[in-house]
Protein backbone atom coordinates (compact mmCIF):
# COMPACT_ATOMS: atom_id res chain seq x y z
CA MET A 1 -2.19 -16.39 -0.69
CA SER A 2 -5.98 -16.23 -0.91
CA GLN A 3 -8.14 -19.29 -0.31
CA ALA A 4 -9.40 -19.07 -3.89
CA ALA A 5 -5.84 -19.23 -5.23
CA ILE A 6 -5.00 -22.16 -2.95
CA GLN A 7 -8.06 -24.07 -4.14
CA MET A 8 -7.14 -23.37 -7.77
CA LEU A 9 -3.62 -24.72 -7.24
CA ARG A 10 -4.95 -27.73 -5.35
CA ARG A 11 -7.16 -28.66 -8.28
CA ARG A 12 -4.43 -27.95 -10.85
CA TRP A 13 -1.98 -30.16 -8.97
CA GLY A 14 -4.53 -32.94 -8.45
CA LEU A 15 -4.38 -32.80 -4.65
CA PRO A 16 -7.27 -34.08 -2.52
CA ASP A 17 -9.64 -31.70 -0.73
CA ALA A 18 -8.03 -32.62 2.58
CA ALA A 19 -4.73 -31.13 1.33
CA ALA A 20 -6.06 -27.55 1.29
CA PRO A 21 -5.02 -26.81 4.93
CA VAL A 22 -1.54 -28.16 4.18
CA LEU A 23 -1.19 -25.86 1.17
CA ASP A 24 -2.41 -22.95 3.27
CA ARG A 25 0.31 -23.59 5.86
CA PHE A 26 2.87 -24.21 3.12
CA PHE A 27 2.41 -20.82 1.48
CA ALA A 28 2.17 -19.07 4.86
CA SER A 29 5.53 -20.58 5.88
CA TRP A 30 7.02 -19.50 2.55
CA ALA A 31 5.86 -15.93 3.16
CA ALA A 32 7.47 -16.07 6.62
CA GLY A 33 10.87 -16.90 5.11
CA HIS A 34 10.90 -20.70 5.50
CA THR A 35 11.92 -22.84 2.55
CA SER A 36 10.32 -26.02 3.92
CA LEU A 37 7.31 -27.13 5.94
CA GLU A 38 7.34 -30.00 8.42
CA LEU A 39 4.26 -32.23 8.02
CA THR A 40 2.68 -34.78 10.29
CA ASP A 41 2.99 -38.43 9.30
CA GLU A 42 -0.67 -38.41 8.31
CA GLU A 43 -0.21 -35.35 6.09
CA ALA A 44 2.85 -36.86 4.43
CA THR A 45 0.92 -40.06 3.74
CA LEU A 46 -1.90 -38.00 2.24
CA LEU A 47 0.41 -36.13 -0.19
CA SER A 48 2.97 -38.77 -1.15
CA PRO A 49 0.87 -40.55 -3.84
CA CYS A 50 -0.13 -37.32 -5.60
CA PRO A 51 1.36 -36.71 -9.09
CA ALA A 52 2.34 -33.15 -8.11
CA VAL A 53 4.60 -34.47 -5.35
CA THR A 54 7.97 -36.17 -5.88
CA SER A 55 10.71 -37.48 -3.63
CA GLU A 56 13.35 -37.47 -6.34
CA SER A 57 16.24 -35.03 -6.51
CA ASP A 58 16.30 -35.09 -10.31
CA GLY A 59 16.77 -31.56 -11.56
CA ASN A 60 14.41 -32.26 -14.46
CA SER A 61 11.47 -33.35 -12.32
CA PRO A 62 8.25 -31.71 -13.48
CA ALA A 63 6.61 -31.99 -10.04
CA PRO A 64 6.10 -28.64 -8.29
CA LEU A 65 6.46 -30.11 -4.76
CA VAL A 66 9.17 -32.23 -3.16
CA LEU A 67 8.43 -34.44 -0.15
CA ARG A 68 11.25 -36.20 1.67
CA GLY A 69 10.08 -37.94 4.80
CA THR A 70 7.85 -35.32 6.38
CA ARG A 71 9.60 -32.26 4.90
CA LEU A 72 7.69 -30.49 2.12
CA GLN A 73 9.45 -28.01 -0.20
CA SER A 74 8.80 -26.36 -3.50
CA TRP A 75 10.83 -28.06 -6.22
CA ARG A 76 12.34 -24.71 -7.24
CA LEU A 77 13.68 -23.91 -3.76
CA ASP A 78 14.80 -27.49 -3.22
CA GLN A 79 16.89 -27.32 -6.37
CA ALA A 80 18.26 -23.90 -5.39
CA GLU A 81 19.38 -25.28 -2.01
CA THR A 82 21.00 -28.27 -3.73
CA ARG A 83 22.96 -26.04 -6.13
CA VAL A 84 24.00 -23.60 -3.37
CA ALA A 85 25.19 -26.45 -1.14
CA ALA A 86 27.19 -28.08 -3.93
CA ARG A 87 28.86 -24.81 -5.02
CA LEU A 88 29.75 -23.81 -1.44
CA ARG A 89 31.38 -27.19 -0.86
CA GLU A 90 33.35 -26.76 -4.08
CA LEU A 91 34.59 -23.34 -3.00
CA ALA A 92 35.49 -24.62 0.48
CA HIS A 93 37.86 -27.19 -1.00
CA GLU A 94 39.20 -25.21 -3.96
CA LYS A 95 42.97 -24.67 -3.99
CA VAL A 96 44.04 -21.03 -4.30
CA GLY A 97 46.93 -18.96 -3.11
CA SER A 98 49.68 -20.35 -0.91
CA GLY A 99 49.44 -23.95 0.17
CA ASP A 100 46.91 -26.70 -0.32
CA ALA A 101 43.50 -25.73 0.96
CA GLY A 102 42.50 -29.35 1.35
CA ASP A 103 45.48 -30.65 3.35
CA GLY A 104 47.54 -29.67 6.33
CA PRO A 105 46.58 -27.66 9.39
CA PRO A 106 43.40 -25.61 9.57
CA VAL A 107 43.81 -22.45 7.51
CA VAL A 108 42.90 -20.02 10.27
CA ASP A 109 45.37 -21.70 12.64
CA ALA A 110 48.14 -22.09 10.04
CA PRO A 111 51.26 -19.91 10.00
CA ASP A 112 51.41 -16.93 7.70
CA PRO A 113 52.04 -17.74 4.03
CA PRO A 114 55.80 -17.90 3.45
CA ASP A 115 55.69 -15.24 0.74
CA ALA A 116 53.65 -12.75 2.74
CA PRO A 117 55.06 -11.96 6.21
CA ALA A 118 56.26 -8.43 5.48
CA ASP A 119 53.14 -6.86 4.07
CA LEU A 120 50.85 -9.05 6.17
CA ALA A 121 52.56 -7.78 9.32
CA GLN A 122 52.40 -4.21 8.03
CA LEU A 123 48.62 -4.34 7.58
CA PHE A 124 47.85 -6.61 10.53
CA PRO A 125 50.51 -5.95 13.20
CA ASP A 126 48.86 -8.13 15.87
CA PRO A 127 49.75 -11.76 15.00
CA ASP A 128 46.93 -13.07 17.21
CA SER A 129 44.14 -10.83 15.92
CA ALA A 130 41.02 -12.22 14.29
CA GLN A 131 41.51 -9.75 11.45
CA ARG A 132 44.91 -11.27 10.63
CA ARG A 133 43.45 -14.78 10.71
CA ALA A 134 40.74 -13.58 8.32
CA ALA A 135 43.41 -12.20 5.98
CA VAL A 136 45.32 -15.50 5.96
CA LEU A 137 42.02 -17.25 5.27
CA GLY A 138 41.34 -14.98 2.29
CA LEU A 139 44.81 -15.58 0.88
CA ARG A 140 44.43 -19.36 0.96
CA ARG A 141 40.76 -20.11 0.42
CA ALA A 142 38.40 -19.53 -2.48
CA LEU A 143 35.68 -18.96 0.13
CA ALA A 144 36.34 -16.58 3.04
CA LEU A 145 33.46 -15.97 5.43
CA VAL A 146 34.21 -12.99 7.70
CA THR A 147 31.52 -12.15 10.22
CA GLY A 148 31.14 -9.87 13.20
CA GLY A 149 28.97 -7.18 14.67
CA PRO A 150 28.86 -3.57 13.45
CA GLY A 151 32.15 -1.80 14.03
CA THR A 152 34.34 -4.91 14.23
CA GLY A 153 36.30 -3.99 11.10
CA LYS A 154 34.89 -6.35 8.47
CA THR A 155 35.25 -3.93 5.55
CA THR A 156 38.66 -2.71 6.75
CA THR A 157 39.84 -6.31 6.89
CA ALA A 158 38.45 -6.94 3.40
CA ALA A 159 40.18 -3.85 1.99
CA ARG A 160 43.55 -4.85 3.42
CA LEU A 161 43.08 -8.39 2.18
CA LEU A 162 42.37 -7.01 -1.30
CA ALA A 163 45.59 -5.00 -1.06
CA LEU A 164 47.53 -8.18 -0.25
CA LEU A 165 45.93 -10.00 -3.18
CA ALA A 166 46.56 -7.10 -5.55
CA THR A 167 50.29 -7.06 -4.74
CA ARG A 168 50.49 -10.73 -5.71
CA GLU A 169 48.25 -10.55 -8.77
CA PRO A 170 48.79 -7.16 -10.49
CA GLY A 171 45.95 -7.71 -12.97
CA ILE A 172 43.42 -8.90 -10.39
CA ARG A 173 39.80 -7.96 -11.16
CA VAL A 174 37.71 -7.05 -8.10
CA ALA A 175 33.95 -6.54 -7.74
CA LEU A 176 32.24 -5.10 -4.66
CA ALA A 177 28.54 -5.72 -4.11
CA ALA A 178 25.78 -5.63 -1.50
CA PRO A 179 22.04 -6.36 -1.49
CA THR A 180 20.94 -2.70 -1.45
CA GLY A 181 22.18 0.50 -3.02
CA LYS A 182 22.86 2.08 0.36
CA ALA A 183 24.84 -0.91 1.60
CA ALA A 184 26.83 -0.98 -1.66
CA ALA A 185 27.61 2.73 -1.32
CA ARG A 186 28.80 2.25 2.26
CA LEU A 187 30.95 -0.70 1.21
CA GLY A 188 32.52 1.37 -1.57
CA GLU A 189 33.16 4.27 0.81
CA ALA A 190 34.77 2.00 3.40
CA ILE A 191 36.98 0.21 0.86
CA GLY A 192 37.94 3.52 -0.75
CA GLN A 193 38.93 5.06 2.59
CA ALA A 194 40.96 2.00 3.55
CA ALA A 195 42.70 2.14 0.16
CA ARG A 196 43.65 5.78 0.71
CA ASP A 197 45.22 4.83 4.04
CA LEU A 198 47.68 2.43 2.37
CA ASP A 199 51.27 3.62 2.39
CA GLY A 200 54.74 2.33 1.62
CA PRO A 201 55.00 -0.32 -1.10
CA LEU A 202 51.28 -1.08 -0.75
CA ALA A 203 50.39 2.41 -1.98
CA ALA A 204 50.97 1.14 -5.52
CA VAL A 205 47.72 -0.85 -5.41
CA ARG A 206 45.69 2.11 -4.17
CA PRO A 207 44.33 3.16 -7.62
CA ARG A 208 42.98 -0.34 -8.35
CA LEU A 209 41.16 -0.55 -5.02
CA GLU A 210 39.78 2.97 -5.40
CA ARG A 211 38.51 2.04 -8.86
CA ALA A 212 36.80 -1.05 -7.45
CA ALA A 213 35.32 1.05 -4.64
CA PHE A 214 33.97 3.56 -7.14
CA GLN A 215 32.20 0.73 -8.98
CA ALA A 216 30.55 -0.86 -5.90
CA ARG A 217 27.00 -1.83 -6.82
CA THR A 218 23.98 -3.85 -5.85
CA LEU A 219 24.07 -7.59 -6.46
CA HIS A 220 21.26 -7.24 -8.99
CA ARG A 221 23.37 -4.78 -10.99
CA LEU A 222 26.46 -6.96 -10.65
CA LEU A 223 24.57 -9.96 -12.04
CA GLY A 224 22.89 -7.92 -14.78
CA TRP A 225 19.39 -8.72 -13.58
CA HIS A 226 16.55 -7.84 -15.96
CA PRO A 227 13.33 -7.08 -14.06
CA ARG A 228 11.04 -7.86 -16.98
CA THR A 229 12.42 -11.34 -17.59
CA ASP A 230 13.74 -12.07 -14.08
CA ARG A 231 16.91 -13.34 -15.73
CA CYS A 232 20.53 -12.35 -15.26
CA ARG A 233 23.18 -11.49 -17.83
CA PHE A 234 25.77 -13.44 -15.83
CA HIS A 235 25.15 -17.08 -14.97
CA ALA A 236 26.85 -20.48 -15.13
CA GLY A 237 27.17 -20.26 -18.91
CA ASN A 238 28.42 -16.66 -18.82
CA PRO A 239 30.30 -16.22 -15.52
CA LEU A 240 31.21 -12.94 -13.88
CA PRO A 241 34.49 -11.50 -15.24
CA TYR A 242 36.11 -11.05 -11.82
CA ASP A 243 38.83 -12.82 -9.86
CA VAL A 244 37.49 -11.66 -6.49
CA VAL A 245 33.91 -10.86 -5.52
CA VAL A 246 33.29 -9.20 -2.15
CA VAL A 247 29.73 -9.33 -0.82
CA ASP A 248 28.73 -7.22 2.20
CA GLU A 249 25.61 -7.46 4.39
CA ALA A 250 25.33 -11.11 3.45
CA SER A 251 22.57 -11.86 5.97
CA MET A 252 20.18 -9.91 3.71
CA LEU A 253 20.68 -12.26 0.74
CA ASP A 254 17.86 -14.72 0.19
CA LEU A 255 18.28 -18.25 -1.13
CA VAL A 256 17.47 -17.42 -4.76
CA LEU A 257 19.95 -14.52 -4.84
CA TRP A 258 22.65 -16.74 -3.34
CA ASP A 259 21.89 -19.33 -6.01
CA ARG A 260 22.28 -16.79 -8.79
CA LEU A 261 25.47 -15.35 -7.34
CA LEU A 262 27.17 -18.70 -6.81
CA SER A 263 26.10 -19.94 -10.23
CA ALA A 264 27.62 -16.85 -11.85
CA LEU A 265 30.88 -17.03 -9.90
CA GLY A 266 33.62 -18.18 -12.25
CA ARG A 267 35.81 -21.20 -11.57
CA GLY A 268 38.99 -20.12 -9.85
CA SER A 269 37.40 -16.93 -8.48
CA ARG A 270 37.46 -15.99 -4.81
CA LEU A 271 34.33 -15.12 -2.85
CA ILE A 272 34.75 -12.95 0.26
CA VAL A 273 31.56 -12.81 2.33
CA LEU A 274 31.03 -10.13 5.00
CA GLY A 275 28.05 -10.08 7.33
CA ASP A 276 26.48 -10.40 10.75
CA HIS A 277 24.12 -13.33 11.14
CA ARG A 278 22.62 -11.79 14.27
CA GLN A 279 21.00 -9.06 12.19
CA LEU A 280 17.78 -9.36 10.24
CA GLU A 281 17.55 -12.13 7.72
CA SER A 282 16.44 -11.75 4.13
CA VAL A 283 12.89 -10.67 3.32
CA GLN A 284 12.53 -13.59 0.89
CA PRO A 285 12.94 -17.24 1.98
CA GLY A 286 16.21 -18.57 3.32
CA ARG A 287 18.80 -18.05 6.08
CA VAL A 288 21.90 -18.89 4.06
CA LEU A 289 24.51 -16.92 6.02
CA ALA A 290 23.51 -18.46 9.35
CA GLU A 291 23.61 -21.94 7.82
CA MET A 292 27.01 -21.29 6.25
CA ILE A 293 28.31 -20.42 9.72
CA ALA A 294 26.71 -23.56 11.15
CA ALA A 295 28.34 -25.58 8.37
CA ALA A 296 31.72 -24.04 9.21
CA ALA A 297 31.42 -25.03 12.87
CA GLY A 298 33.14 -28.21 13.94
CA GLY A 299 36.55 -27.48 12.42
CA ALA A 300 39.59 -27.48 14.65
CA ALA A 301 39.54 -23.70 14.81
CA HIS A 302 35.93 -23.45 15.88
CA GLY A 303 34.58 -26.65 17.35
CA ALA A 304 35.13 -28.52 20.56
CA ALA A 305 37.84 -31.14 20.90
CA GLY A 306 36.92 -34.35 19.11
CA GLU A 307 34.12 -32.71 17.12
CA SER A 308 34.04 -33.66 13.46
CA ALA A 309 34.82 -31.00 10.90
CA GLY A 310 31.93 -29.26 9.22
CA PRO A 311 31.65 -29.11 5.41
CA LEU A 312 32.79 -25.47 5.42
CA ALA A 313 35.30 -25.95 8.24
CA ASP A 314 38.00 -23.29 8.42
CA CYS A 315 36.30 -21.01 5.94
CA HIS A 316 34.98 -18.77 8.72
CA VAL A 317 36.52 -16.20 11.04
CA GLU A 318 34.43 -14.09 13.40
CA LEU A 319 35.75 -10.65 14.37
CA ASP A 320 35.01 -10.04 18.02
CA ARG A 321 36.59 -6.68 18.89
CA ASN A 322 34.18 -3.76 18.44
CA TYR A 323 35.99 -0.56 17.50
CA ARG A 324 32.90 1.57 16.88
CA PHE A 325 31.45 1.22 20.36
CA GLU A 326 34.68 1.43 22.39
CA SER A 327 33.77 5.05 23.18
CA HIS A 328 30.07 4.19 23.54
CA PRO A 329 29.92 1.24 25.92
CA GLY A 330 26.23 1.75 26.68
CA ILE A 331 25.18 0.89 23.13
CA SER A 332 27.58 -2.06 23.15
CA ARG A 333 26.17 -3.44 26.41
CA LEU A 334 22.59 -3.01 25.23
CA ALA A 335 23.34 -4.74 21.92
CA THR A 336 25.05 -7.60 23.75
CA ALA A 337 22.05 -8.11 26.05
CA ILE A 338 19.73 -8.22 23.04
CA ARG A 339 22.07 -10.60 21.21
CA ASP A 340 22.00 -12.89 24.25
CA TYR A 341 18.16 -12.78 24.35
CA ASP A 342 18.28 -11.23 27.83
CA GLY A 343 15.36 -8.81 28.08
CA ASP A 344 15.83 -8.26 31.84
CA ALA A 345 19.46 -7.22 31.32
CA ALA A 346 18.44 -4.87 28.48
CA ILE A 347 15.87 -3.19 30.73
CA GLN A 348 18.37 -2.88 33.57
CA ILE A 349 20.94 -1.27 31.25
CA LEU A 350 18.40 1.25 30.01
CA ALA A 351 17.26 2.02 33.57
CA SER A 352 20.76 2.32 35.04
CA LYS A 353 21.24 5.96 33.96
CA GLY A 354 24.90 5.13 33.55
CA TYR A 355 24.93 6.25 29.93
CA PRO A 356 22.84 9.45 29.86
CA GLU A 357 24.19 10.65 26.52
CA GLU A 358 23.96 7.28 24.76
CA LEU A 359 20.80 5.52 25.94
CA LEU A 360 17.53 7.45 26.29
CA PRO A 361 14.58 5.18 27.11
CA TYR A 362 10.96 6.25 26.53
CA SER A 363 7.67 4.41 26.56
CA SER A 364 5.80 3.98 23.29
CA ALA A 365 3.40 6.70 24.43
CA GLN A 366 6.29 9.17 24.64
CA ILE A 367 7.21 9.35 20.96
CA ASP A 368 6.75 13.12 20.92
CA ASP A 369 9.11 13.48 23.91
CA ALA A 370 11.70 11.33 22.15
CA LEU A 371 11.19 13.28 18.93
CA GLU A 372 12.01 16.48 20.82
CA GLN A 373 15.51 15.12 21.48
CA ILE A 374 16.32 14.74 17.77
CA TRP A 375 14.34 17.72 16.49
CA PRO A 376 17.43 19.96 16.05
CA GLN A 377 18.85 17.33 13.69
CA VAL A 378 15.56 17.19 11.77
CA MET A 379 15.64 20.97 11.42
CA ALA A 380 19.21 20.80 10.16
CA VAL A 381 17.93 18.89 7.13
CA VAL A 382 15.09 21.32 6.42
CA ARG A 383 17.26 24.43 6.82
CA ALA A 384 20.38 23.16 5.07
CA PRO A 385 21.75 25.72 2.57
CA GLY A 386 22.42 23.14 -0.13
CA PRO A 387 22.31 19.47 -1.11
CA THR A 388 25.70 18.61 0.39
CA GLU A 389 24.70 19.97 3.77
CA ALA A 390 21.18 18.49 3.61
CA LEU A 391 22.41 14.98 2.78
CA ALA A 392 25.08 15.21 5.49
CA ALA A 393 22.46 16.29 8.04
CA LEU A 394 20.11 13.51 6.94
CA ALA A 395 22.88 10.94 7.50
CA GLN A 396 23.11 12.05 11.12
CA VAL A 397 19.66 10.98 12.29
CA ARG A 398 16.91 8.50 11.47
CA ILE A 399 13.70 7.23 13.04
CA LEU A 400 13.38 3.45 12.76
CA CYS A 401 10.18 1.49 13.26
CA ALA A 402 9.42 -2.19 13.64
CA LEU A 403 6.20 -1.82 11.66
CA ARG A 404 5.21 -0.06 8.47
CA ARG A 405 1.61 0.86 9.30
CA GLY A 406 -0.24 2.12 12.35
CA PRO A 407 0.49 4.95 14.83
CA TYR A 408 3.79 3.29 15.86
CA GLY A 409 4.80 2.39 12.32
CA VAL A 410 6.59 4.29 9.57
CA GLU A 411 3.43 5.87 8.17
CA GLY A 412 2.20 7.10 11.55
CA VAL A 413 5.57 8.50 12.66
CA ASN A 414 6.19 10.24 9.30
CA THR A 415 2.77 11.85 9.65
CA ARG A 416 3.69 12.94 13.18
CA VAL A 417 6.90 14.61 11.97
CA GLU A 418 5.15 16.38 9.11
CA SER A 419 2.40 17.62 11.43
CA ARG A 420 4.97 19.22 13.69
CA LEU A 421 6.71 20.83 10.72
CA ARG A 422 3.39 22.40 9.69
CA ARG A 423 2.76 23.65 13.23
CA GLU A 424 6.09 25.43 13.09
CA GLY A 425 5.21 27.03 9.77
CA LEU A 426 7.57 24.88 7.72
CA PRO A 427 6.80 23.07 4.46
CA ALA A 428 5.60 19.47 4.66
CA GLY A 429 3.97 17.05 2.27
CA GLU A 430 4.70 15.26 -0.96
CA TRP A 431 6.79 17.91 -2.72
CA ALA A 432 8.00 19.91 0.27
CA HIS A 433 11.46 21.40 0.53
CA GLY A 434 13.59 19.29 2.89
CA ARG A 435 11.50 16.13 2.55
CA PRO A 436 13.71 13.00 2.69
CA VAL A 437 12.73 10.29 0.22
CA LEU A 438 13.38 6.56 0.13
CA VAL A 439 13.47 4.93 -3.31
CA THR A 440 11.36 1.75 -3.37
CA ALA A 441 12.07 0.42 -6.88
CA ASN A 442 15.12 -0.27 -9.01
CA ASP A 443 15.51 2.18 -11.87
CA PRO A 444 18.63 1.73 -14.03
CA HIS A 445 17.78 4.84 -16.09
CA THR A 446 18.38 7.14 -13.12
CA ALA A 447 20.88 4.77 -11.44
CA LEU A 448 18.62 4.78 -8.39
CA PHE A 449 17.83 1.54 -6.64
CA ASN A 450 15.61 0.18 -3.93
CA GLY A 451 16.83 1.57 -0.60
CA ASP A 452 18.56 4.72 -1.89
CA VAL A 453 17.79 7.80 0.24
CA GLY A 454 17.77 11.40 -0.97
CA VAL A 455 16.21 14.75 -0.17
CA LEU A 456 13.94 17.20 -2.03
CA LEU A 457 15.24 20.76 -2.21
CA ASN A 458 14.19 23.99 -3.84
CA GLY A 459 16.42 24.62 -6.81
CA GLN A 460 18.90 27.44 -6.35
CA ASP A 461 18.72 28.27 -10.05
CA GLY A 462 14.95 28.64 -10.31
CA ARG A 463 14.33 25.02 -11.31
CA GLY A 464 11.91 24.43 -8.43
CA ILE A 465 11.94 21.25 -6.36
CA THR A 466 14.66 18.74 -7.30
CA ALA A 467 15.64 15.43 -5.73
CA TRP A 468 19.25 15.09 -4.60
CA PHE A 469 21.17 11.90 -3.89
CA SER A 470 24.72 11.18 -2.78
CA GLY A 471 27.16 10.56 -5.62
CA PRO A 472 30.68 9.16 -5.82
CA GLN A 473 32.23 12.60 -5.55
CA GLU A 474 29.39 15.08 -4.98
CA PRO A 475 25.57 15.08 -4.79
CA ARG A 476 23.68 14.50 -8.01
CA SER A 477 20.25 15.80 -8.92
CA VAL A 478 17.28 13.87 -10.34
CA PRO A 479 14.26 15.70 -11.81
CA LEU A 480 10.99 14.97 -10.06
CA ALA A 481 9.54 13.65 -13.30
CA ALA A 482 12.24 10.98 -13.40
CA LEU A 483 12.11 10.10 -9.70
CA PRO A 484 11.15 6.40 -9.30
CA SER A 485 8.62 5.12 -6.78
CA HIS A 486 9.46 6.46 -3.33
CA ASP A 487 8.25 7.09 0.22
CA THR A 488 8.86 9.77 2.85
CA ALA A 489 11.93 8.81 4.87
CA TRP A 490 11.89 10.73 8.15
CA ALA A 491 11.10 7.27 9.46
CA MET A 492 11.80 3.93 7.83
CA THR A 493 11.53 0.30 8.84
CA VAL A 494 14.47 -1.36 10.52
CA HIS A 495 14.64 -3.69 7.53
CA ARG A 496 15.22 -0.70 5.26
CA SER A 497 17.98 0.65 7.50
CA GLN A 498 20.11 -2.49 7.44
CA GLY A 499 23.48 -1.65 5.97
CA SER A 500 23.26 2.00 7.13
CA GLU A 501 24.39 3.79 10.26
CA PHE A 502 23.54 7.14 11.83
CA GLU A 503 24.85 9.24 14.71
CA SER A 504 21.44 9.24 16.45
CA VAL A 505 18.60 6.74 16.09
CA LEU A 506 15.07 6.86 17.49
CA LEU A 507 13.81 3.27 17.54
CA VAL A 508 10.04 2.86 17.94
CA LEU A 509 8.42 -0.43 18.98
CA PRO A 510 4.67 -1.05 19.20
CA PRO A 511 3.32 -0.98 22.79
CA GLN A 512 2.46 -4.69 22.74
CA ALA A 513 4.48 -7.72 21.71
CA HIS A 514 4.45 -8.19 17.95
CA GLU A 515 5.64 -11.08 15.80
CA LEU A 516 7.72 -8.73 13.63
CA ALA A 517 9.51 -7.19 16.61
CA GLY A 518 12.02 -9.91 17.48
CA PRO A 519 15.61 -9.91 18.78
CA GLU A 520 17.16 -9.65 15.31
CA LEU A 521 15.12 -6.57 14.51
CA LEU A 522 15.88 -4.99 17.88
CA TYR A 523 19.61 -5.77 17.60
CA THR A 524 19.75 -4.39 14.05
CA GLY A 525 17.93 -1.20 15.04
CA VAL A 526 20.09 -0.51 18.10
CA THR A 527 23.35 -1.08 16.23
CA ARG A 528 22.44 1.42 13.49
CA ALA A 529 23.32 4.14 16.05
CA ARG A 530 26.93 5.26 16.28
CA SER A 531 26.64 7.40 19.41
CA ARG A 532 23.03 7.70 20.67
CA ILE A 533 19.96 5.46 20.71
CA LEU A 534 16.54 6.68 21.81
CA LEU A 535 14.34 3.67 22.42
CA ALA A 536 10.56 4.20 22.53
CA ALA A 537 9.33 0.87 23.90
CA ASP A 538 7.27 -0.35 26.85
CA GLU A 539 9.01 -2.83 29.15
CA GLY A 540 6.70 -5.70 28.26
CA ALA A 541 7.17 -5.15 24.53
CA LEU A 542 10.94 -4.82 24.96
CA ARG A 543 11.20 -8.00 27.00
CA ALA A 544 9.10 -9.86 24.40
CA ALA A 545 11.26 -8.51 21.57
CA CYS A 546 14.37 -9.99 23.21
CA GLN A 547 12.97 -13.51 23.39
CA ARG A 548 14.61 -16.11 21.18
CA ARG A 549 12.56 -17.08 18.14
CA PRO A 550 12.61 -20.46 16.33
CA PRO A 551 14.90 -20.30 13.29
CA ARG A 552 13.56 -20.48 9.77
CA ARG A 553 13.00 -24.02 8.55
CA THR A 554 15.17 -24.85 5.56
CA GLY A 555 16.93 -27.83 4.05
CA LEU A 556 20.22 -26.13 3.20
CA LEU A 557 22.27 -27.17 6.22
CA GLU A 558 21.20 -30.78 5.77
CA LYS A 559 22.22 -30.63 2.10
CA LEU A 560 25.56 -29.02 3.01
CA ARG A 561 26.33 -31.90 5.34
CA ARG A 562 25.74 -34.48 2.60
CA PRO A 563 28.30 -35.29 -0.08
CA ASN A 564 28.06 -32.99 -3.08
CA GLY A 565 25.19 -31.08 -1.50
CA SER A 566 22.76 -33.89 -2.37
CA SER A 567 19.40 -34.39 -0.73
CA ALA A 568 18.15 -37.45 1.06
CA THR A 569 16.00 -39.65 -1.05
């Protein structure tokens, strides 16, 4: 926020001149994803008497700022945290399915439900597997938090859990959602495939799961969000008409979106949350998934002996077996080193030459050399005979960048790719055949949403250039005149890629340490690759990117640990 805007707000709120630096830091922390700012005692004393500052938790308070002790929050985000905490605690103790969720042994350690052993064993043969514990959790709890790294089977577990629920409740209504269009499409594809794999008596529920998979959508579409009013069709007074809501890529949800989702969730409905808290957090303020996991720690299933149960105890199961990378141990080892904040180990793994087909390290100055390795896959997009082949080729490879601007950012790398296409006598530019495009705005009229990726192709029927996007059954075309705001997508930011995966990934880091290039970004970028990662990064920048960063400052965990999600006063 500009200094002029800060001064205007300071005067409007009746704050003293000395409060201007505090407001500057406050809005800067907000932009960085924090929901609160820790003040000094002197700063807290300066602000506490101001009429724009309150310490009350009253939801009708007109004050724009909330100060409790030395923690400063906006009133809007403070109230959102309070509502989210209260609703999560309600879900954690809500009685559903077999048994009493509030009494008895921890759910994830409890025996199988007495009415379920046959089909539970059919879908989850290993009685000791984390996936089976997650299924038992989903049968018994209104809130099931299932986390794990890419390839650990989160969506497969969710699909089989839905099959179990559907056999017990024939009329069950299921909604599948994710923060972005791409993530929603992948969730629908995964659930649909798992449904098609059902056999025996469970095959009877296949049509219902396939129908739910077909209707997978973004959370904004699920809630009926109206961009002009910033209001949602579904809310506490008009809850979602579903018995089960499955949310994937939950780490990408910001606090406000969590608030809207939980407010719209009907009483008696189940919420199944899938995600990986080690990946990038939401662009907007909050770190809700990580704090939900922290609030689940301390239960008998997760905490140390004698540790008190957390407010979401026994609502969480982490899947720890990685199926995707069993045949690609190099990517798995590299991801583990990054997850453990061990830059030296990451460098050693890349330098070991033990995984020549999986890990290809380059310095930042060698982007062109790295690009040479994936150029055949780039050409496969440009020379594809039709939209099906072009979209399939595009799904095989992607260049990911930590930054948006500069020679090592998305803009610079896209320019580099287009320059090479021109040198080879191939079309390049805004309306070029074979150009991949990334939609950057939600557009209900075309059913295209922020994050959707397509490709421009010459029409085979004389229509000229047309945009093509993946559809439920086959590619669908969108006229250029109707195409919403978009960017070239040979390269995209790691943030944009979250929820997607590709056979080969070229990950580009800036040559020097950068605040945006942290371990979560690096981990997310590396794990987008299914079989090969090309990493263009200097050792110093890579080591810096692996260093642990302070978590976002929020008040949610504190509110979760208080009765009814209340705040300290």
